[in-house]
Amino acid sequence: MVATERSRSLNERKEALVIESDLNRLVLRLEVEHWRNSAERLDRTLTTARQVSRWLIPIASVIGLVTSKRKDGSKAGWLNRILHLVPALMQFRATAKPEK
């Protein structure tokens, strides 16, 4: 009688441990999936930042040229600046690494 009750108690404890182990596995899977999603999101963000950064210097130069004025306000200086920018842009495109 004592042996069967002890056996039943051990079986109940075993079932409880199996259920707890299953729950822990599910929690671990969720955490791994969360970290995987976070890593993918970070990778997408860094890829976008790399793509955008290639064009920041030329775009900033163009914006600076468009918004700046000569002291006398003449447009010839504006056009002259744009014409001086073209070789710099061509050199930038020639030295920029193509993305893989």
PDB file of N, CA and C in Angstrom:
ATOM      1  N   MET A   1       0.812  -1.184   0.000  1.00  0.00           N
ATOM      2  CA  MET A   1       0.000   0.000   0.000  1.00  0.00           C
ATOM      3  C   MET A   1       0.867   1.265   0.000  1.00  0.00           C
ATOM      4  N   VAL A   2       1.868   1.258   0.881  1.00  0.00           N
ATOM      5  CA  VAL A   2       2.769   2.396   0.959  1.00  0.00           C
ATOM      6  C   VAL A   2       3.573   2.514  -0.338  1.00  0.00           C
ATOM      7  N   ALA A   3       3.956   1.376  -0.896  1.00  0.00           N
ATOM      8  CA  ALA A   3       4.741   1.390  -2.122  1.00  0.00           C
ATOM      9  C   ALA A   3       3.921   1.924  -3.286  1.00  0.00           C
ATOM     10  N   THR A   4       2.640   1.572  -3.369  1.00  0.00           N
ATOM     11  CA  THR A   4       1.805   2.060  -4.473  1.00  0.00           C
ATOM     12  C   THR A   4       1.537   3.554  -4.326  1.00  0.00           C
ATOM     13  N   GLU A   5       1.366   4.004  -3.088  1.00  0.00           N
ATOM     14  CA  GLU A   5       1.147   5.441  -2.893  1.00  0.00           C
ATOM     15  C   GLU A   5       2.418   6.223  -3.229  1.00  0.00           C
ATOM     16  N   ARG A   6       3.546   5.683  -2.841  1.00  0.00           N
ATOM     17  CA  ARG A   6       4.820   6.341  -3.160  1.00  0.00           C
ATOM     18  C   ARG A   6       5.024   6.340  -4.668  1.00  0.00           C
ATOM     19  N   SER A   7       4.687   5.231  -5.333  1.00  0.00           N
ATOM     20  CA  SER A   7       4.808   5.129  -6.783  1.00  0.00           C
ATOM     21  C   SER A   7       3.886   6.135  -7.470  1.00  0.00           C
ATOM     22  N   ARG A   8       2.661   6.269  -6.971  1.00  0.00           N
ATOM     23  CA  ARG A   8       1.710   7.236  -7.535  1.00  0.00           C
ATOM     24  C   ARG A   8       2.237   8.660  -7.340  1.00  0.00           C
ATOM     25  N   SER A   9       2.791   8.938  -6.175  1.00  0.00           N
ATOM     26  CA  SER A   9       3.345  10.256  -5.889  1.00  0.00           C
ATOM     27  C   SER A   9       4.526  10.562  -6.826  1.00  0.00           C
ATOM     28  N   LEU A  10       5.362   9.569  -7.045  1.00  0.00           N
ATOM     29  CA  LEU A  10       6.493   9.764  -7.956  1.00  0.00           C
ATOM     30  C   LEU A  10       6.017   9.979  -9.393  1.00  0.00           C
ATOM     31  N   ASN A  11       4.980   9.233  -9.808  1.00  0.00           N
ATOM     32  CA  ASN A  11       4.439   9.415 -11.166  1.00  0.00           C
ATOM     33  C   ASN A  11       3.827  10.800 -11.343  1.00  0.00           C
ATOM     34  N   GLU A  12       3.114  11.276 -10.315  1.00  0.00           N
ATOM     35  CA  GLU A  12       2.544  12.628 -10.390  1.00  0.00           C
ATOM     36  C   GLU A  12       3.648  13.673 -10.472  1.00  0.00           C
ATOM     37  N   ARG A  13       4.689  13.467  -9.683  1.00  0.00           N
ATOM     38  CA  ARG A  13       5.827  14.403  -9.718  1.00  0.00           C
ATOM     39  C   ARG A  13       6.510  14.367 -11.087  1.00  0.00           C
ATOM     40  N   LYS A  14       6.638  13.163 -11.634  1.00  0.00           N
ATOM     41  CA  LYS A  14       7.246  13.012 -12.959  1.00  0.00           C
ATOM     42  C   LYS A  14       6.426  13.728 -14.017  1.00  0.00           C
ATOM     43  N   GLU A  15       5.093  13.568 -13.986  1.00  0.00           N
ATOM     44  CA  GLU A  15       4.214  14.251 -14.944  1.00  0.00           C
ATOM     45  C   GLU A  15       4.330  15.767 -14.812  1.00  0.00           C
ATOM     46  N   ALA A  16       4.395  16.241 -13.560  1.00  0.00           N
ATOM     47  CA  ALA A  16       4.544  17.681 -13.337  1.00  0.00           C
ATOM     48  C   ALA A  16       5.862  18.191 -13.906  1.00  0.00           C
ATOM     49  N   LEU A  17       6.927  17.427 -13.728  1.00  0.00           N
ATOM     50  CA  LEU A  17       8.219  17.835 -14.275  1.00  0.00           C
ATOM     51  C   LEU A  17       8.233  17.816 -15.801  1.00  0.00           C
ATOM     52  N   VAL A  18       7.547  16.826 -16.398  1.00  0.00           N
ATOM     53  CA  VAL A  18       7.470  16.764 -17.864  1.00  0.00           C
ATOM     54  C   VAL A  18       6.712  17.976 -18.393  1.00  0.00           C
ATOM     55  N   ILE A  19       5.600  18.323 -17.737  1.00  0.00           N
ATOM     56  CA  ILE A  19       4.818  19.494 -18.164  1.00  0.00           C
ATOM     57  C   ILE A  19       5.646  20.769 -18.005  1.00  0.00           C
ATOM     58  N   GLU A  20       6.344  20.893 -16.886  1.00  0.00           N
ATOM     59  CA  GLU A  20       7.195  22.074 -16.670  1.00  0.00           C
ATOM     60  C   GLU A  20       8.299  22.147 -17.720  1.00  0.00           C
ATOM     61  N   SER A  21       8.878  21.010 -18.064  1.00  0.00           N
ATOM     62  CA  SER A  21       9.924  20.967 -19.081  1.00  0.00           C
ATOM     63  C   SER A  21       9.376  21.393 -20.439  1.00  0.00           C
ATOM     64  N   ASP A  22       8.173  20.920 -20.789  1.00  0.00           N
ATOM     65  CA  ASP A  22       7.553  21.324 -22.052  1.00  0.00           C
ATOM     66  C   ASP A  22       7.308  22.825 -22.090  1.00  0.00           C
ATOM     67  N   LEU A  23       6.826  23.377 -20.983  1.00  0.00           N
ATOM     68  CA  LEU A  23       6.600  24.828 -20.919  1.00  0.00           C
ATOM     69  C   LEU A  23       7.915  25.595 -21.087  1.00  0.00           C
ATOM     70  N   ASN A  24       8.955  25.110 -20.432  1.00  0.00           N
ATOM     71  CA  ASN A  24      10.263  25.781 -20.552  1.00  0.00           C
ATOM     72  C   ASN A  24      10.777  25.732 -21.989  1.00  0.00           C
ATOM     73  N   ARG A  25      10.569  24.616 -22.680  1.00  0.00           N
ATOM     74  CA  ARG A  25      10.978  24.526 -24.087  1.00  0.00           C
ATOM     75  C   ARG A  25      10.220  25.530 -24.947  1.00  0.00           C
ATOM     76  N   LEU A  26       8.905  25.663 -24.694  1.00  0.00           N
ATOM     77  CA  LEU A  26       8.112  26.626 -25.463  1.00  0.00           C
ATOM     78  C   LEU A  26       8.573  28.060 -25.210  1.00  0.00           C
ATOM     79  N   VAL A  27       8.853  28.373 -23.957  1.00  0.00           N
ATOM     80  CA  VAL A  27       9.345  29.718 -23.626  1.00  0.00           C
ATOM     81  C   VAL A  27      10.682  29.975 -24.311  1.00  0.00           C
ATOM     82  N   LEU A  28      11.545  28.980 -24.296  1.00  0.00           N
ATOM     83  CA  LEU A  28      12.851  29.115 -24.937  1.00  0.00           C
ATOM     84  C   LEU A  28      12.698  29.326 -26.441  1.00  0.00           C
ATOM     85  N   ARG A  29      11.796  28.580 -27.075  1.00  0.00           N
ATOM     86  CA  ARG A  29      11.548  28.774 -28.515  1.00  0.00           C
ATOM     87  C   ARG A  29      11.070  30.185 -28.812  1.00  0.00           C
ATOM     88  N   LEU A  30      10.157  30.701 -27.971  1.00  0.00           N
ATOM     89  CA  LEU A  30       9.670  32.070 -28.169  1.00  0.00           C
ATOM     90  C   LEU A  30      10.794  33.088 -28.027  1.00  0.00           C
ATOM     91  N   GLU A  31      11.646  32.898 -27.047  1.00  0.00           N
ATOM     92  CA  GLU A  31      12.760  33.836 -26.850  1.00  0.00           C
ATOM     93  C   GLU A  31      13.737  33.792 -28.022  1.00  0.00           C
ATOM     94  N   VAL A  32      14.034  32.591 -28.507  1.00  0.00           N
ATOM     95  CA  VAL A  32      14.940  32.467 -29.661  1.00  0.00           C
ATOM     96  C   VAL A  32      14.317  33.134 -30.877  1.00  0.00           C
ATOM     97  N   GLU A  33      13.022  32.942 -31.095  1.00  0.00           N
ATOM     98  CA  GLU A  33      12.343  33.574 -32.240  1.00  0.00           C
ATOM     99  C   GLU A  33      12.363  35.096 -32.106  1.00  0.00           C
ATOM    100  N   HIS A  34      12.176  35.581 -30.885  1.00  0.00           N
ATOM    101  CA  HIS A  34      12.231  37.029 -30.646  1.00  0.00           C
ATOM    102  C   HIS A  34      13.612  37.583 -30.993  1.00  0.00           C
ATOM    103  N   TRP A  35      14.675  36.914 -30.550  1.00  0.00           N
ATOM    104  CA  TRP A  35      16.039  37.356 -30.855  1.00  0.00           C
ATOM    105  C   TRP A  35      16.316  37.277 -32.347  1.00  0.00           C
ATOM    106  N   ARG A  36      15.809  36.236 -33.004  1.00  0.00           N
ATOM    107  CA  ARG A  36      16.007  36.102 -34.447  1.00  0.00           C
ATOM    108  C   ARG A  36      15.325  37.259 -35.187  1.00  0.00           C
ATOM    109  N   ASN A  37      14.097  37.579 -34.786  1.00  0.00           N
ATOM    110  CA  ASN A  37      13.385  38.699 -35.417  1.00  0.00           C
ATOM    111  C   ASN A  37      14.111  40.021 -35.177  1.00  0.00           C
ATOM    112  N   SER A  38      14.631  40.198 -33.967  1.00  0.00           N
ATOM    113  CA  SER A  38      15.369  41.429 -33.663  1.00  0.00           C
ATOM    114  C   SER A  38      16.632  41.531 -34.513  1.00  0.00           C
ATOM    115  N   ALA A  39      17.323  40.426 -34.695  1.00  0.00           N
ATOM    116  CA  ALA A  39      18.540  40.425 -35.509  1.00  0.00           C
ATOM    117  C   ALA A  39      18.211  40.725 -36.969  1.00  0.00           C
ATOM    118  N   GLU A  40      17.113  40.168 -37.484  1.00  0.00           N
ATOM    119  CA  GLU A  40      16.713  40.442 -38.871  1.00  0.00           C
ATOM    120  C   GLU A  40      16.341  41.911 -39.046  1.00  0.00           C
ATOM    121  N   ARG A  41      15.636  42.472 -38.061  1.00  0.00           N
ATOM    122  CA  ARG A  41      15.256  43.881 -38.138  1.00  0.00           C
ATOM    123  C   ARG A  41      16.493  44.772 -38.115  1.00  0.00           C
ATOM    124  N   LEU A  42      17.468  44.433 -37.266  1.00  0.00           N
ATOM    125  CA  LEU A  42      18.717  45.190 -37.204  1.00  0.00           C
ATOM    126  C   LEU A  42      19.469  45.100 -38.526  1.00  0.00           C
ATOM    127  N   ASP A  43      19.496  43.912 -39.121  1.00  0.00           N
ATOM    128  CA  ASP A  43      20.170  43.735 -40.408  1.00  0.00           C
ATOM    129  C   ASP A  43      19.507  44.584 -41.488  1.00  0.00           C
ATOM    130  N   ARG A  44      18.168  44.599 -41.522  1.00  0.00           N
ATOM    131  CA  ARG A  44      17.468  45.435 -42.513  1.00  0.00           C
ATOM    132  C   ARG A  44      17.768  46.914 -42.295  1.00  0.00           C
ATOM    133  N   THR A  45      17.807  47.339 -41.030  1.00  0.00           N
ATOM    134  CA  THR A  45      18.085  48.742 -40.720  1.00  0.00           C
ATOM    135  C   THR A  45      19.500  49.123 -41.155  1.00  0.00           C
ATOM    136  N   LEU A  46      20.466  48.260 -40.866  1.00  0.00           N
ATOM    137  CA  LEU A  46      21.852  48.554 -41.263  1.00  0.00           C
ATOM    138  C   LEU A  46      22.013  48.558 -42.778  1.00  0.00           C
ATOM    139  N   THR A  47      21.322  47.652 -43.467  1.00  0.00           N
ATOM    140  CA  THR A  47      21.385  47.626 -44.929  1.00  0.00           C
ATOM    141  C   THR A  47      20.826  48.924 -45.494  1.00  0.00           C
ATOM    142  N   THR A  48      19.699  49.364 -44.972  1.00  0.00           N
ATOM    143  CA  THR A  48      19.105  50.624 -45.428  1.00  0.00           C
ATOM    144  C   THR A  48      20.034  51.793 -45.143  1.00  0.00           C
ATOM    145  N   ALA A  49      20.633  51.808 -43.956  1.00  0.00           N
ATOM    146  CA  ALA A  49      21.551  52.904 -43.598  1.00  0.00           C
ATOM    147  C   ALA A  49      22.754  52.931 -44.534  1.00  0.00           C
ATOM    148  N   ARG A  50      23.273  51.746 -44.888  1.00  0.00           N
ATOM    149  CA  ARG A  50      24.401  51.700 -45.828  1.00  0.00           C
ATOM    150  C   ARG A  50      23.994  52.240 -47.192  1.00  0.00           C
ATOM    151  N   GLN A  51      22.812  51.879 -47.647  1.00  0.00           N
ATOM    152  CA  GLN A  51      22.354  52.336 -48.959  1.00  0.00           C
ATOM    153  C   GLN A  51      22.143  53.846 -48.964  1.00  0.00           C
ATOM    154  N   VAL A  52      21.557  54.360 -47.901  1.00  0.00           N
ATOM    155  CA  VAL A  52      21.282  55.800 -47.826  1.00  0.00           C
ATOM    156  C   VAL A  52      22.573  56.592 -47.675  1.00  0.00           C
ATOM    157  N   SER A  53      23.516  56.071 -46.892  1.00  0.00           N
ATOM    158  CA  SER A  53      24.737  56.829 -46.627  1.00  0.00           C
ATOM    159  C   SER A  53      25.576  57.055 -47.879  1.00  0.00           C
ATOM    160  N   ARG A  54      25.437  56.174 -48.871  1.00  0.00           N
ATOM    161  CA  ARG A  54      26.167  56.380 -50.129  1.00  0.00           C
ATOM    162  C   ARG A  54      25.803  57.706 -50.790  1.00  0.00           C
ATOM    163  N   TRP A  55      24.573  58.140 -50.590  1.00  0.00           N
ATOM    164  CA  TRP A  55      24.083  59.318 -51.293  1.00  0.00           C
ATOM    165  C   TRP A  55      24.005  60.558 -50.407  1.00  0.00           C
ATOM    166  N   LEU A  56      24.339  60.454 -49.142  1.00  0.00           N
ATOM    167  CA  LEU A  56      24.197  61.609 -48.260  1.00  0.00           C
ATOM    168  C   LEU A  56      25.133  62.755 -48.632  1.00  0.00           C
ATOM    169  N   ILE A  57      26.383  62.471 -48.933  1.00  0.00           N
ATOM    170  CA  ILE A  57      27.329  63.547 -49.253  1.00  0.00           C
ATOM    171  C   ILE A  57      26.930  64.259 -50.548  1.00  0.00           C
ATOM    172  N   PRO A  58      26.651  63.530 -51.645  1.00  0.00           N
ATOM    173  CA  PRO A  58      26.231  64.255 -52.855  1.00  0.00           C
ATOM    174  C   PRO A  58      24.933  65.032 -52.666  1.00  0.00           C
ATOM    175  N   ILE A  59      23.981  64.441 -51.947  1.00  0.00           N
ATOM    176  CA  ILE A  59      22.705  65.137 -51.728  1.00  0.00           C
ATOM    177  C   ILE A  59      22.926  66.374 -50.864  1.00  0.00           C
ATOM    178  N   ALA A  60      23.752  66.257 -49.834  1.00  0.00           N
ATOM    179  CA  ALA A  60      24.038  67.411 -48.982  1.00  0.00           C
ATOM    180  C   ALA A  60      24.740  68.508 -49.781  1.00  0.00           C
ATOM    181  N   SER A  61      25.611  68.103 -50.685  1.00  0.00           N
ATOM    182  CA  SER A  61      26.290  69.104 -51.524  1.00  0.00           C
ATOM    183  C   SER A  61      25.295  69.832 -52.410  1.00  0.00           C
ATOM    184  N   VAL A  62      24.402  69.082 -53.011  1.00  0.00           N
ATOM    185  CA  VAL A  62      23.399  69.698 -53.889  1.00  0.00           C
ATOM    186  C   VAL A  62      22.490  70.618 -53.089  1.00  0.00           C
ATOM    187  N   ILE A  63      22.053  70.182 -51.930  1.00  0.00           N
ATOM    188  CA  ILE A  63      21.199  71.033 -51.097  1.00  0.00           C
ATOM    189  C   ILE A  63      21.939  72.306 -50.703  1.00  0.00           C
ATOM    190  N   GLY A  64      23.221  72.169 -50.360  1.00  0.00           N
ATOM    191  CA  GLY A  64      24.009  73.350 -50.027  1.00  0.00           C
ATOM    192  C   GLY A  64      24.127  74.309 -51.193  1.00  0.00           C
ATOM    193  N   LEU A  65      24.291  73.755 -52.394  1.00  0.00           N
ATOM    194  CA  LEU A  65      24.377  74.619 -53.579  1.00  0.00           C
ATOM    195  C   LEU A  65      23.059  75.303 -53.876  1.00  0.00           C
ATOM    196  N   VAL A  66      21.973  74.559 -53.729  1.00  0.00           N
ATOM    197  CA  VAL A  66      20.659  75.119 -54.056  1.00  0.00           C
ATOM    198  C   VAL A  66      20.266  76.197 -53.060  1.00  0.00           C
ATOM    199  N   THR A  67      20.565  75.997 -51.803  1.00  0.00           N
ATOM    200  CA  THR A  67      20.119  76.953 -50.793  1.00  0.00           C
ATOM    201  C   THR A  67      21.087  78.117 -50.595  1.00  0.00           C
ATOM    202  N   SER A  68      22.315  77.995 -51.073  1.00  0.00           N
ATOM    203  CA  SER A  68      23.264  79.094 -50.870  1.00  0.00           C
ATOM    204  C   SER A  68      23.087  80.160 -51.951  1.00  0.00           C
ATOM    205  N   LYS A  69      23.495  81.354 -51.613  1.00  0.00           N
ATOM    206  CA  LYS A  69      23.428  82.469 -52.563  1.00  0.00           C
ATOM    207  C   LYS A  69      24.761  83.195 -52.551  1.00  0.00           C
ATOM    208  N   ARG A  70      25.053  83.764 -53.690  1.00  0.00           N
ATOM    209  CA  ARG A  70      26.231  84.644 -53.732  1.00  0.00           C
ATOM    210  C   ARG A  70      25.868  85.942 -53.030  1.00  0.00           C
ATOM    211  N   LYS A  71      26.884  86.664 -52.658  1.00  0.00           N
ATOM    212  CA  LYS A  71      26.623  87.921 -51.952  1.00  0.00           C
ATOM    213  C   LYS A  71      25.803  88.883 -52.813  1.00  0.00           C
ATOM    214  N   ASP A  72      26.072  88.872 -54.124  1.00  0.00           N
ATOM    215  CA  ASP A  72      25.318  89.774 -54.995  1.00  0.00           C
ATOM    216  C   ASP A  72      24.032  89.115 -55.511  1.00  0.00           C
ATOM    217  N   GLY A  73      23.792  87.830 -55.181  1.00  0.00           N
ATOM    218  CA  GLY A  73      22.554  87.151 -55.551  1.00  0.00           C
ATOM    219  C   GLY A  73      22.495  86.688 -56.993  1.00  0.00           C
ATOM    220  N   SER A  74      23.625  86.728 -57.703  1.00  0.00           N
ATOM    221  CA  SER A  74      23.599  86.351 -59.117  1.00  0.00           C
ATOM    222  C   SER A  74      23.465  84.843 -59.279  1.00  0.00           C
ATOM    223  N   LYS A  75      22.808  84.431 -60.361  1.00  0.00           N
ATOM    224  CA  LYS A  75      22.614  83.019 -60.636  1.00  0.00           C
ATOM    225  C   LYS A  75      23.824  82.403 -61.326  1.00  0.00           C
ATOM    226  N   ALA A  76      24.680  83.213 -61.892  1.00  0.00           N
ATOM    227  CA  ALA A  76      25.859  82.678 -62.574  1.00  0.00           C
ATOM    228  C   ALA A  76      26.744  81.930 -61.581  1.00  0.00           C
ATOM    229  N   GLY A  77      26.841  82.433 -60.382  1.00  0.00           N
ATOM    230  CA  GLY A  77      27.617  81.749 -59.358  1.00  0.00           C
ATOM    231  C   GLY A  77      26.989  80.407 -58.987  1.00  0.00           C
ATOM    232  N   TRP A  78      25.675  80.372 -58.982  1.00  0.00           N
ATOM    233  CA  TRP A  78      24.932  79.145 -58.674  1.00  0.00           C
ATOM    234  C   TRP A  78      25.199  78.089 -59.737  1.00  0.00           C
ATOM    235  N   LEU A  79      25.120  78.487 -60.993  1.00  0.00           N
ATOM    236  CA  LEU A  79      25.375  77.566 -62.098  1.00  0.00           C
ATOM    237  C   LEU A  79      26.839  77.133 -62.092  1.00  0.00           C
ATOM    238  N   ASN A  80      27.711  78.040 -61.802  1.00  0.00           N
ATOM    239  CA  ASN A  80      29.131  77.721 -61.739  1.00  0.00           C
ATOM    240  C   ASN A  80      29.389  76.667 -60.659  1.00  0.00           C
ATOM    241  N   ARG A  81      28.744  76.781 -59.539  1.00  0.00           N
ATOM    242  CA  ARG A  81      28.908  75.792 -58.473  1.00  0.00           C
ATOM    243  C   ARG A  81      28.405  74.423 -58.906  1.00  0.00           C
ATOM    244  N   ILE A  82      27.287  74.392 -59.588  1.00  0.00           N
ATOM    245  CA  ILE A  82      26.747  73.109 -60.061  1.00  0.00           C
ATOM    246  C   ILE A  82      27.711  72.472 -61.051  1.00  0.00           C
ATOM    247  N   LEU A  83      28.247  73.262 -61.947  1.00  0.00           N
ATOM    248  CA  LEU A  83      29.186  72.718 -62.925  1.00  0.00           C
ATOM    249  C   LEU A  83      30.460  72.203 -62.259  1.00  0.00           C
ATOM    250  N   HIS A  84      30.874  72.819 -61.168  1.00  0.00           N
ATOM    251  CA  HIS A  84      32.036  72.330 -60.437  1.00  0.00           C
ATOM    252  C   HIS A  84      31.711  71.061 -59.640  1.00  0.00           C
ATOM    253  N   LEU A  85      30.454  70.860 -59.339  1.00  0.00           N
ATOM    254  CA  LEU A  85      30.053  69.689 -58.573  1.00  0.00           C
ATOM    255  C   LEU A  85      30.016  68.428 -59.438  1.00  0.00           C
ATOM    256  N   VAL A  86      29.744  68.562 -60.719  1.00  0.00           N
ATOM    257  CA  VAL A  86      29.607  67.396 -61.598  1.00  0.00           C
ATOM    258  C   VAL A  86      30.852  66.500 -61.572  1.00  0.00           C
ATOM    259  N   PRO A  87      32.060  67.025 -61.728  1.00  0.00           N
ATOM    260  CA  PRO A  87      33.224  66.128 -61.658  1.00  0.00           C
ATOM    261  C   PRO A  87      33.350  65.427 -60.302  1.00  0.00           C
ATOM    262  N   ALA A  88      33.003  66.124 -59.232  1.00  0.00           N
ATOM    263  CA  ALA A  88      33.067  65.495 -57.906  1.00  0.00           C
ATOM    264  C   ALA A  88      32.067  64.352 -57.808  1.00  0.00           C
ATOM    265  N   LEU A  89      30.878  64.533 -58.342  1.00  0.00           N
ATOM    266  CA  LEU A  89      29.873  63.461 -58.330  1.00  0.00           C
ATOM    267  C   LEU A  89      30.328  62.279 -59.179  1.00  0.00           C
ATOM    268  N   MET A  90      30.917  62.565 -60.320  1.00  0.00           N
ATOM    269  CA  MET A  90      31.391  61.476 -61.179  1.00  0.00           C
ATOM    270  C   MET A  90      32.518  60.705 -60.490  1.00  0.00           C
ATOM    271  N   GLN A  91      33.398  61.415 -59.801  1.00  0.00           N
ATOM    272  CA  GLN A  91      34.480  60.752 -59.083  1.00  0.00           C
ATOM    273  C   GLN A  91      33.913  59.913 -57.931  1.00  0.00           C
ATOM    274  N   PHE A  92      32.901  60.435 -57.248  1.00  0.00           N
ATOM    275  CA  PHE A  92      32.279  59.682 -56.158  1.00  0.00           C
ATOM    276  C   PHE A  92      31.667  58.381 -56.685  1.00  0.00           C
ATOM    277  N   ARG A  93      30.947  58.461 -57.771  1.00  0.00           N
ATOM    278  CA  ARG A  93      30.312  57.265 -58.328  1.00  0.00           C
ATOM    279  C   ARG A  93      31.350  56.254 -58.787  1.00  0.00           C
ATOM    280  N   ALA A  94      32.494  56.740 -59.280  1.00  0.00           N
ATOM    281  CA  ALA A  94      33.546  55.839 -59.741  1.00  0.00           C
ATOM    282  C   ALA A  94      34.225  55.132 -58.567  1.00  0.00           C
ATOM    283  N   THR A  95      34.310  55.808 -57.421  1.00  0.00           N
ATOM    284  CA  THR A  95      35.000  55.206 -56.283  1.00  0.00           C
ATOM    285  C   THR A  95      34.044  54.456 -55.347  1.00  0.00           C
ATOM    286  N   ALA A  96      32.735  54.692 -55.481  1.00  0.00           N
ATOM    287  CA  ALA A  96      31.782  54.001 -54.612  1.00  0.00           C
ATOM    288  C   ALA A  96      31.766  52.520 -54.935  1.00  0.00           C
ATOM    289  N   LYS A  97      31.773  51.712 -53.893  1.00  0.00           N
ATOM    290  CA  LYS A  97      31.780  50.266 -54.077  1.00  0.00           C
ATOM    291  C   LYS A  97      30.379  49.786 -54.427  1.00  0.00           C
ATOM    292  N   PRO A  98      30.255  48.931 -55.430  1.00  0.00           N
ATOM    293  CA  PRO A  98      28.917  48.377 -55.709  1.00  0.00           C
ATOM    294  C   PRO A  98      28.509  47.437 -54.593  1.00  0.00           C
ATOM    295  N   GLU A  99      27.213  47.438 -54.285  1.00  0.00           N
ATOM    296  CA  GLU A  99      26.720  46.576 -53.206  1.00  0.00           C
ATOM    297  C   GLU A  99      26.577  45.147 -53.699  1.00  0.00           C
ATOM    298  N   LYS A 100      26.811  44.228 -52.778  1.00  0.00           N
ATOM    299  CA  LYS A 100      26.719  42.817 -53.122  1.00  0.00           C
ATOM    300  C   LYS A 100      25.373  42.267 -52.752  1.00  0.00           C
TER     301      LYS A 100
END
